[in-house]
């Protein structure tokens, strides 16, 4: 019975041993987050950062805009008014 943890006193009577529990629980440090992994278990590629807004190009006339030959979707200002190249 002693092999399974039952203890006996000098008279052969079984008793429960006194267990000293700590009065305070030690503070636990927070666990570090696990690194993100891809499908194959390797590290994931970094997420792309959002692109910074392109500055608005200012023109005085529409003729200057056409001469600049800008790609479609470019934000411009013509005569003080916001526009987008079509």
PDB file of N, CA and C in Angstrom:
ATOM      1  N   UNK A   1       0.819  -1.187   0.000  1.00  0.00           N
ATOM      2  CA  UNK A   1       0.000   0.000   0.000  1.00  0.00           C
ATOM      3  C   UNK A   1       0.869   1.260   0.000  1.00  0.00           C
ATOM      4  N   UNK A   2       2.034   1.166   0.597  1.00  0.00           N
ATOM      5  CA  UNK A   2       2.918   2.321   0.622  1.00  0.00           C
ATOM      6  C   UNK A   2       3.354   2.706  -0.784  1.00  0.00           C
ATOM      7  N   UNK A   3       3.373   1.736  -1.693  1.00  0.00           N
ATOM      8  CA  UNK A   3       3.808   2.037  -3.058  1.00  0.00           C
ATOM      9  C   UNK A   3       2.787   2.890  -3.808  1.00  0.00           C
ATOM     10  N   UNK A   4       1.521   2.898  -3.374  1.00  0.00           N
ATOM     11  CA  UNK A   4       0.528   3.740  -4.038  1.00  0.00           C
ATOM     12  C   UNK A   4       0.252   5.026  -3.268  1.00  0.00           C
ATOM     13  N   UNK A   5       1.037   5.307  -2.230  1.00  0.00           N
ATOM     14  CA  UNK A   5       0.948   6.587  -1.538  1.00  0.00           C
ATOM     15  C   UNK A   5       0.210   6.565  -0.221  1.00  0.00           C
ATOM     16  N   UNK A   6      -0.276   5.406   0.234  1.00  0.00           N
ATOM     17  CA  UNK A   6      -0.953   5.339   1.529  1.00  0.00           C
ATOM     18  C   UNK A   6       0.114   5.303   2.613  1.00  0.00           C
ATOM     19  N   UNK A   7      -0.008   6.173   3.616  1.00  0.00           N
ATOM     20  CA  UNK A   7       0.980   6.223   4.689  1.00  0.00           C
ATOM     21  C   UNK A   7       0.368   5.695   5.988  1.00  0.00           C
ATOM     22  N   UNK A   8       1.229   5.104   6.847  1.00  0.00           N
ATOM     23  CA  UNK A   8       0.792   4.515   8.113  1.00  0.00           C
ATOM     24  C   UNK A   8       1.581   5.132   9.258  1.00  0.00           C
ATOM     25  N   UNK A   9       0.918   5.258  10.431  1.00  0.00           N
ATOM     26  CA  UNK A   9       1.614   5.760  11.615  1.00  0.00           C
ATOM     27  C   UNK A   9       2.294   4.584  12.332  1.00  0.00           C
ATOM     28  N   UNK A  10       2.879   4.833  13.534  1.00  0.00           N
ATOM     29  CA  UNK A  10       3.604   3.793  14.276  1.00  0.00           C
ATOM     30  C   UNK A  10       2.706   2.630  14.716  1.00  0.00           C
ATOM     31  N   UNK A  11       1.423   2.875  14.848  1.00  0.00           N
ATOM     32  CA  UNK A  11       0.489   1.835  15.268  1.00  0.00           C
ATOM     33  C   UNK A  11      -0.073   1.043  14.081  1.00  0.00           C
ATOM     34  N   UNK A  12       0.327   1.397  12.851  1.00  0.00           N
ATOM     35  CA  UNK A  12      -0.170   0.692  11.673  1.00  0.00           C
ATOM     36  C   UNK A  12      -1.480   1.228  11.149  1.00  0.00           C
ATOM     37  N   UNK A  13      -1.876   2.398  11.627  1.00  0.00           N
ATOM     38  CA  UNK A  13      -3.133   2.988  11.183  1.00  0.00           C
ATOM     39  C   UNK A  13      -2.844   3.933  10.012  1.00  0.00           C
ATOM     40  N   UNK A  14      -3.651   3.841   8.943  1.00  0.00           N
ATOM     41  CA  UNK A  14      -3.465   4.692   7.758  1.00  0.00           C
ATOM     42  C   UNK A  14      -3.883   6.120   8.085  1.00  0.00           C
ATOM     43  N   UNK A  15      -3.165   7.071   7.528  1.00  0.00           N
ATOM     44  CA  UNK A  15      -3.523   8.479   7.715  1.00  0.00           C
ATOM     45  C   UNK A  15      -3.197   9.254   6.439  1.00  0.00           C
ATOM     46  N   UNK A  16      -3.850  10.385   6.304  1.00  0.00           N
ATOM     47  CA  UNK A  16      -3.594  11.267   5.165  1.00  0.00           C
ATOM     48  C   UNK A  16      -2.469  12.216   5.540  1.00  0.00           C
ATOM     49  N   UNK A  17      -1.429  12.300   4.739  1.00  0.00           N
ATOM     50  CA  UNK A  17      -0.315  13.194   5.080  1.00  0.00           C
ATOM     51  C   UNK A  17      -0.744  14.654   4.970  1.00  0.00           C
ATOM     52  N   UNK A  18      -0.131  15.493   5.773  1.00  0.00           N
ATOM     53  CA  UNK A  18      -0.423  16.922   5.732  1.00  0.00           C
ATOM     54  C   UNK A  18       0.307  17.523   4.533  1.00  0.00           C
ATOM     55  N   UNK A  19      -0.426  18.283   3.749  1.00  0.00           N
ATOM     56  CA  UNK A  19       0.144  18.920   2.563  1.00  0.00           C
ATOM     57  C   UNK A  19       0.204  20.411   2.819  1.00  0.00           C
ATOM     58  N   UNK A  20       1.375  20.984   2.673  1.00  0.00           N
ATOM     59  CA  UNK A  20       1.533  22.426   2.834  1.00  0.00           C
ATOM     60  C   UNK A  20       1.334  23.095   1.477  1.00  0.00           C
ATOM     61  N   UNK A  21       0.271  23.862   1.366  1.00  0.00           N
ATOM     62  CA  UNK A  21       0.008  24.603   0.139  1.00  0.00           C
ATOM     63  C   UNK A  21       0.612  25.995   0.269  1.00  0.00           C
ATOM     64  N   UNK A  22       1.144  26.527  -0.828  1.00  0.00           N
ATOM     65  CA  UNK A  22       1.689  27.889  -0.747  1.00  0.00           C
ATOM     66  C   UNK A  22       0.561  28.886  -0.485  1.00  0.00           C
ATOM     67  N   UNK A  23       0.865  29.904   0.321  1.00  0.00           N
ATOM     68  CA  UNK A  23      -0.161  30.884   0.674  1.00  0.00           C
ATOM     69  C   UNK A  23      -0.447  31.836  -0.481  1.00  0.00           C
ATOM     70  N   UNK A  24       0.540  32.066  -1.316  1.00  0.00           N
ATOM     71  CA  UNK A  24       0.356  32.950  -2.459  1.00  0.00           C
ATOM     72  C   UNK A  24       0.778  32.224  -3.723  1.00  0.00           C
ATOM     73  N   UNK A  25       0.056  32.451  -4.764  1.00  0.00           N
ATOM     74  CA  UNK A  25       0.414  31.875  -6.054  1.00  0.00           C
ATOM     75  C   UNK A  25       1.371  32.839  -6.737  1.00  0.00           C
ATOM     76  N   UNK A  26       2.472  32.317  -7.218  1.00  0.00           N
ATOM     77  CA  UNK A  26       3.455  33.162  -7.898  1.00  0.00           C
ATOM     78  C   UNK A  26       2.840  33.710  -9.185  1.00  0.00           C
ATOM     79  N   UNK A  27       3.062  34.998  -9.479  1.00  0.00           N
ATOM     80  CA  UNK A  27       2.495  35.551 -10.708  1.00  0.00           C
ATOM     81  C   UNK A  27       3.116  34.876 -11.932  1.00  0.00           C
ATOM     82  N   UNK A  28       2.278  34.619 -12.896  1.00  0.00           N
ATOM     83  CA  UNK A  28       2.758  33.976 -14.111  1.00  0.00           C
ATOM     84  C   UNK A  28       3.053  35.036 -15.156  1.00  0.00           C
ATOM     85  N   UNK A  29       4.120  34.840 -15.879  1.00  0.00           N
ATOM     86  CA  UNK A  29       4.434  35.754 -16.965  1.00  0.00           C
ATOM     87  C   UNK A  29       3.569  35.371 -18.162  1.00  0.00           C
ATOM     88  N   UNK A  30       3.082  36.365 -18.894  1.00  0.00           N
ATOM     89  CA  UNK A  30       2.244  36.039 -20.046  1.00  0.00           C
ATOM     90  C   UNK A  30       3.051  35.286 -21.104  1.00  0.00           C
ATOM     91  N   UNK A  31       2.410  34.329 -21.723  1.00  0.00           N
ATOM     92  CA  UNK A  31       3.068  33.530 -22.755  1.00  0.00           C
ATOM     93  C   UNK A  31       3.261  34.374 -24.004  1.00  0.00           C
ATOM     94  N   UNK A  32       4.386  34.198 -24.671  1.00  0.00           N
ATOM     95  CA  UNK A  32       4.639  34.909 -25.915  1.00  0.00           C
ATOM     96  C   UNK A  32       3.779  34.281 -27.009  1.00  0.00           C
ATOM     97  N   UNK A  33       3.223  35.118 -27.894  1.00  0.00           N
ATOM     98  CA  UNK A  33       2.411  34.545 -28.962  1.00  0.00           C
ATOM     99  C   UNK A  33       3.278  33.727 -29.927  1.00  0.00           C
ATOM    100  N   UNK A  34       2.707  32.664 -30.422  1.00  0.00           N
ATOM    101  CA  UNK A  34       3.437  31.828 -31.367  1.00  0.00           C
ATOM    102  C   UNK A  34       3.540  32.569 -32.691  1.00  0.00           C
ATOM    103  N   UNK A  35       4.662  32.427 -33.392  1.00  0.00           N
ATOM    104  CA  UNK A  35       4.768  33.096 -34.686  1.00  0.00           C
ATOM    105  C   UNK A  35       3.777  32.483 -35.673  1.00  0.00           C
ATOM    106  N   UNK A  36       3.257  33.321 -36.545  1.00  0.00           N
ATOM    107  CA  UNK A  36       2.320  32.837 -37.549  1.00  0.00           C
ATOM    108  C   UNK A  36       3.050  31.962 -38.551  1.00  0.00           C
ATOM    109  N   UNK A  37       2.379  30.927 -38.993  1.00  0.00           N
ATOM    110  CA  UNK A  37       2.994  30.035 -39.964  1.00  0.00           C
ATOM    111  C   UNK A  37       2.094  29.886 -41.174  1.00  0.00           C
ATOM    112  N   UNK A  38       2.702  29.587 -42.299  1.00  0.00           N
ATOM    113  CA  UNK A  38       1.970  29.373 -43.539  1.00  0.00           C
ATOM    114  C   UNK A  38       1.438  27.949 -43.601  1.00  0.00           C
ATOM    115  N   UNK A  39       0.908  27.566 -44.736  1.00  0.00           N
ATOM    116  CA  UNK A  39       0.315  26.240 -44.901  1.00  0.00           C
ATOM    117  C   UNK A  39       1.329  25.118 -44.743  1.00  0.00           C
ATOM    118  N   UNK A  40       2.548  25.355 -45.179  1.00  0.00           N
ATOM    119  CA  UNK A  40       3.562  24.298 -45.101  1.00  0.00           C
ATOM    120  C   UNK A  40       4.290  24.292 -43.763  1.00  0.00           C
ATOM    121  N   UNK A  41       3.876  25.133 -42.824  1.00  0.00           N
ATOM    122  CA  UNK A  41       4.492  25.170 -41.507  1.00  0.00           C
ATOM    123  C   UNK A  41       5.621  26.172 -41.389  1.00  0.00           C
ATOM    124  N   UNK A  42       6.052  26.745 -42.488  1.00  0.00           N
ATOM    125  CA  UNK A  42       7.118  27.746 -42.462  1.00  0.00           C
ATOM    126  C   UNK A  42       6.566  29.110 -42.097  1.00  0.00           C
ATOM    127  N   UNK A  43       7.429  30.097 -41.898  1.00  0.00           N
ATOM    128  CA  UNK A  43       6.947  31.425 -41.539  1.00  0.00           C
ATOM    129  C   UNK A  43       6.180  32.054 -42.693  1.00  0.00           C
ATOM    130  N   UNK A  44       5.169  32.850 -42.335  1.00  0.00           N
ATOM    131  CA  UNK A  44       4.374  33.526 -43.355  1.00  0.00           C
ATOM    132  C   UNK A  44       5.130  34.741 -43.865  1.00  0.00           C
ATOM    133  N   UNK A  45       4.855  35.095 -45.094  1.00  0.00           N
ATOM    134  CA  UNK A  45       5.482  36.295 -45.638  1.00  0.00           C
ATOM    135  C   UNK A  45       4.852  37.508 -44.961  1.00  0.00           C
ATOM    136  N   UNK A  46       5.615  38.582 -44.797  1.00  0.00           N
ATOM    137  CA  UNK A  46       5.060  39.766 -44.128  1.00  0.00           C
ATOM    138  C   UNK A  46       3.907  40.347 -44.931  1.00  0.00           C
ATOM    139  N   UNK A  47       2.940  40.895 -44.224  1.00  0.00           N
ATOM    140  CA  UNK A  47       1.780  41.492 -44.879  1.00  0.00           C
ATOM    141  C   UNK A  47       2.191  42.813 -45.512  1.00  0.00           C
ATOM    142  N   UNK A  48       1.720  43.085 -46.726  1.00  0.00           N
ATOM    143  CA  UNK A  48       2.091  44.356 -47.365  1.00  0.00           C
ATOM    144  C   UNK A  48       1.456  45.519 -46.629  1.00  0.00           C
ATOM    145  N   UNK A  49       2.196  46.595 -46.526  1.00  0.00           N
ATOM    146  CA  UNK A  49       1.691  47.802 -45.889  1.00  0.00           C
ATOM    147  C   UNK A  49       0.860  48.567 -46.914  1.00  0.00           C
ATOM    148  N   UNK A  50      -0.182  49.260 -46.471  1.00  0.00           N
ATOM    149  CA  UNK A  50      -0.984  50.025 -47.418  1.00  0.00           C
ATOM    150  C   UNK A  50      -0.143  51.127 -48.054  1.00  0.00           C
ATOM    151  N   UNK A  51      -0.386  51.338 -49.325  1.00  0.00           N
ATOM    152  CA  UNK A  51       0.382  52.340 -50.060  1.00  0.00           C
ATOM    153  C   UNK A  51       0.003  53.739 -49.588  1.00  0.00           C
ATOM    154  N   UNK A  52       0.989  54.605 -49.534  1.00  0.00           N
ATOM    155  CA  UNK A  52       0.732  55.989 -49.155  1.00  0.00           C
ATOM    156  C   UNK A  52      -0.014  56.673 -50.298  1.00  0.00           C
ATOM    157  N   UNK A  53      -0.880  57.597 -49.950  1.00  0.00           N
ATOM    158  CA  UNK A  53      -1.638  58.310 -50.967  1.00  0.00           C
ATOM    159  C   UNK A  53      -0.685  59.132 -51.831  1.00  0.00           C
ATOM    160  N   UNK A  54      -0.881  59.018 -53.138  1.00  0.00           N
ATOM    161  CA  UNK A  54      -0.032  59.761 -54.070  1.00  0.00           C
ATOM    162  C   UNK A  54      -0.404  61.242 -53.998  1.00  0.00           C
ATOM    163  N   UNK A  55       0.585  62.110 -54.133  1.00  0.00           N
ATOM    164  CA  UNK A  55       0.260  63.536 -54.102  1.00  0.00           C
ATOM    165  C   UNK A  55      -0.574  63.924 -55.324  1.00  0.00           C
ATOM    166  N   UNK A  56      -1.417  64.914 -55.150  1.00  0.00           N
ATOM    167  CA  UNK A  56      -2.256  65.409 -56.244  1.00  0.00           C
ATOM    168  C   UNK A  56      -1.409  66.342 -57.100  1.00  0.00           C
ATOM    169  N   UNK A  57      -1.429  66.095 -58.409  1.00  0.00           N
ATOM    170  CA  UNK A  57      -0.665  66.927 -59.343  1.00  0.00           C
ATOM    171  C   UNK A  57      -1.565  68.082 -59.799  1.00  0.00           C
ATOM    172  N   UNK A  58      -1.028  69.297 -59.751  1.00  0.00           N
ATOM    173  CA  UNK A  58      -1.822  70.464 -60.112  1.00  0.00           C
ATOM    174  C   UNK A  58      -1.464  70.972 -61.507  1.00  0.00           C
ATOM    175  N   UNK A  59      -2.527  71.290 -62.274  1.00  0.00           N
ATOM    176  CA  UNK A  59      -2.382  71.855 -63.621  1.00  0.00           C
ATOM    177  C   UNK A  59      -3.278  73.078 -63.717  1.00  0.00           C
ATOM    178  N   UNK A  60      -2.909  73.992 -64.620  1.00  0.00           N
ATOM    179  CA  UNK A  60      -3.727  75.194 -64.809  1.00  0.00           C
ATOM    180  C   UNK A  60      -4.790  74.971 -65.876  1.00  0.00           C
ATOM    181  N   UNK A  61      -4.452  74.200 -66.918  1.00  0.00           N
ATOM    182  CA  UNK A  61      -5.411  73.981 -68.005  1.00  0.00           C
ATOM    183  C   UNK A  61      -5.499  72.509 -68.354  1.00  0.00           C
ATOM    184  N   UNK A  62      -6.581  72.154 -69.090  1.00  0.00           N
ATOM    185  CA  UNK A  62      -6.751  70.767 -69.528  1.00  0.00           C
ATOM    186  C   UNK A  62      -5.699  70.402 -70.570  1.00  0.00           C
ATOM    187  N   UNK A  63      -5.209  71.366 -71.305  1.00  0.00           N
ATOM    188  CA  UNK A  63      -4.184  71.111 -72.320  1.00  0.00           C
ATOM    189  C   UNK A  63      -2.894  70.629 -71.650  1.00  0.00           C
ATOM    190  N   UNK A  64      -2.565  71.180 -70.489  1.00  0.00           N
ATOM    191  CA  UNK A  64      -1.381  70.737 -69.755  1.00  0.00           C
ATOM    192  C   UNK A  64      -1.550  69.285 -69.297  1.00  0.00           C
ATOM    193  N   UNK A  65      -2.769  68.917 -68.891  1.00  0.00           N
ATOM    194  CA  UNK A  65      -3.042  67.548 -68.453  1.00  0.00           C
ATOM    195  C   UNK A  65      -2.835  66.588 -69.617  1.00  0.00           C
ATOM    196  N   UNK A  66      -3.374  66.909 -70.787  1.00  0.00           N
ATOM    197  CA  UNK A  66      -3.241  66.037 -71.961  1.00  0.00           C
ATOM    198  C   UNK A  66      -1.781  65.927 -72.384  1.00  0.00           C
ATOM    199  N   UNK A  67      -1.034  67.006 -72.254  1.00  0.00           N
ATOM    200  CA  UNK A  67       0.376  66.983 -72.635  1.00  0.00           C
ATOM    201  C   UNK A  67       1.201  66.133 -71.660  1.00  0.00           C
ATOM    202  N   UNK A  68       0.755  66.016 -70.412  1.00  0.00           N
ATOM    203  CA  UNK A  68       1.503  65.255 -69.417  1.00  0.00           C
ATOM    204  C   UNK A  68       1.386  63.745 -69.660  1.00  0.00           C
ATOM    205  N   UNK A  69       0.325  63.307 -70.397  1.00  0.00           N
ATOM    206  CA  UNK A  69       0.132  61.899 -70.742  1.00  0.00           C
ATOM    207  C   UNK A  69       0.187  61.007 -69.497  1.00  0.00           C
ATOM    208  N   UNK A  70      -0.662  61.303 -68.522  1.00  0.00           N
ATOM    209  CA  UNK A  70      -0.698  60.570 -67.248  1.00  0.00           C
ATOM    210  C   UNK A  70      -1.532  59.290 -67.379  1.00  0.00           C
ATOM    211  N   UNK A  71      -1.220  58.255 -66.571  1.00  0.00           N
ATOM    212  CA  UNK A  71      -2.026  57.027 -66.629  1.00  0.00           C
ATOM    213  C   UNK A  71      -3.427  57.259 -66.061  1.00  0.00           C
ATOM    214  N   UNK A  72      -4.386  56.432 -66.518  1.00  0.00           N
ATOM    215  CA  UNK A  72      -5.766  56.542 -66.040  1.00  0.00           C
ATOM    216  C   UNK A  72      -5.821  56.351 -64.527  1.00  0.00           C
ATOM    217  N   UNK A  73      -6.717  57.108 -63.890  1.00  0.00           N
ATOM    218  CA  UNK A  73      -6.907  56.989 -62.449  1.00  0.00           C
ATOM    219  C   UNK A  73      -6.029  57.916 -61.624  1.00  0.00           C
ATOM    220  N   UNK A  74      -5.111  58.650 -62.256  1.00  0.00           N
ATOM    221  CA  UNK A  74      -4.236  59.568 -61.532  1.00  0.00           C
ATOM    222  C   UNK A  74      -5.051  60.741 -61.008  1.00  0.00           C
ATOM    223  N   UNK A  75      -4.876  61.075 -59.753  1.00  0.00           N
ATOM    224  CA  UNK A  75      -5.580  62.204 -59.139  1.00  0.00           C
ATOM    225  C   UNK A  75      -4.866  63.490 -59.522  1.00  0.00           C
ATOM    226  N   UNK A  76      -5.645  64.453 -60.024  1.00  0.00           N
ATOM    227  CA  UNK A  76      -5.067  65.729 -60.442  1.00  0.00           C
ATOM    228  C   UNK A  76      -5.957  66.871 -59.974  1.00  0.00           C
ATOM    229  N   UNK A  77      -5.428  68.095 -60.103  1.00  0.00           N
ATOM    230  CA  UNK A  77      -6.189  69.308 -59.855  1.00  0.00           C
ATOM    231  C   UNK A  77      -6.050  70.158 -61.105  1.00  0.00           C
ATOM    232  N   UNK A  78      -7.195  70.557 -61.668  1.00  0.00           N
ATOM    233  CA  UNK A  78      -7.188  71.411 -62.854  1.00  0.00           C
ATOM    234  C   UNK A  78      -7.898  72.700 -62.489  1.00  0.00           C
ATOM    235  N   UNK A  79      -7.157  73.774 -62.494  1.00  0.00           N
ATOM    236  CA  UNK A  79      -7.741  75.080 -62.157  1.00  0.00           C
ATOM    237  C   UNK A  79      -8.297  75.102 -60.741  1.00  0.00           C
ATOM    238  N   UNK A  80      -7.694  74.365 -59.833  1.00  0.00           N
ATOM    239  CA  UNK A  80      -8.126  74.381 -58.434  1.00  0.00           C
ATOM    240  C   UNK A  80      -9.205  73.355 -58.110  1.00  0.00           C
ATOM    241  N   UNK A  81      -9.700  72.596 -59.109  1.00  0.00           N
ATOM    242  CA  UNK A  81     -10.745  71.599 -58.853  1.00  0.00           C
ATOM    243  C   UNK A  81     -10.146  70.207 -58.979  1.00  0.00           C
ATOM    244  N   UNK A  82     -10.514  69.306 -58.033  1.00  0.00           N
ATOM    245  CA  UNK A  82     -10.023  67.940 -58.060  1.00  0.00           C
ATOM    246  C   UNK A  82     -10.618  67.166 -59.224  1.00  0.00           C
ATOM    247  N   UNK A  83      -9.805  66.324 -59.831  1.00  0.00           N
ATOM    248  CA  UNK A  83     -10.254  65.504 -60.963  1.00  0.00           C
ATOM    249  C   UNK A  83      -9.450  64.213 -60.976  1.00  0.00           C
ATOM    250  N   UNK A  84      -9.828  63.327 -61.888  1.00  0.00           N
ATOM    251  CA  UNK A  84      -9.123  62.057 -62.060  1.00  0.00           C
ATOM    252  C   UNK A  84      -8.965  61.824 -63.559  1.00  0.00           C
ATOM    253  N   UNK A  85      -7.784  61.392 -63.973  1.00  0.00           N
ATOM    254  CA  UNK A  85      -7.528  61.169 -65.394  1.00  0.00           C
ATOM    255  C   UNK A  85      -8.407  60.019 -65.866  1.00  0.00           C
ATOM    256  N   UNK A  86      -9.136  60.246 -66.992  1.00  0.00           N
ATOM    257  CA  UNK A  86     -10.051  59.244 -67.555  1.00  0.00           C
ATOM    258  C   UNK A  86      -9.412  58.480 -68.685  1.00  0.00           C
TER     259      UNK A  86
END
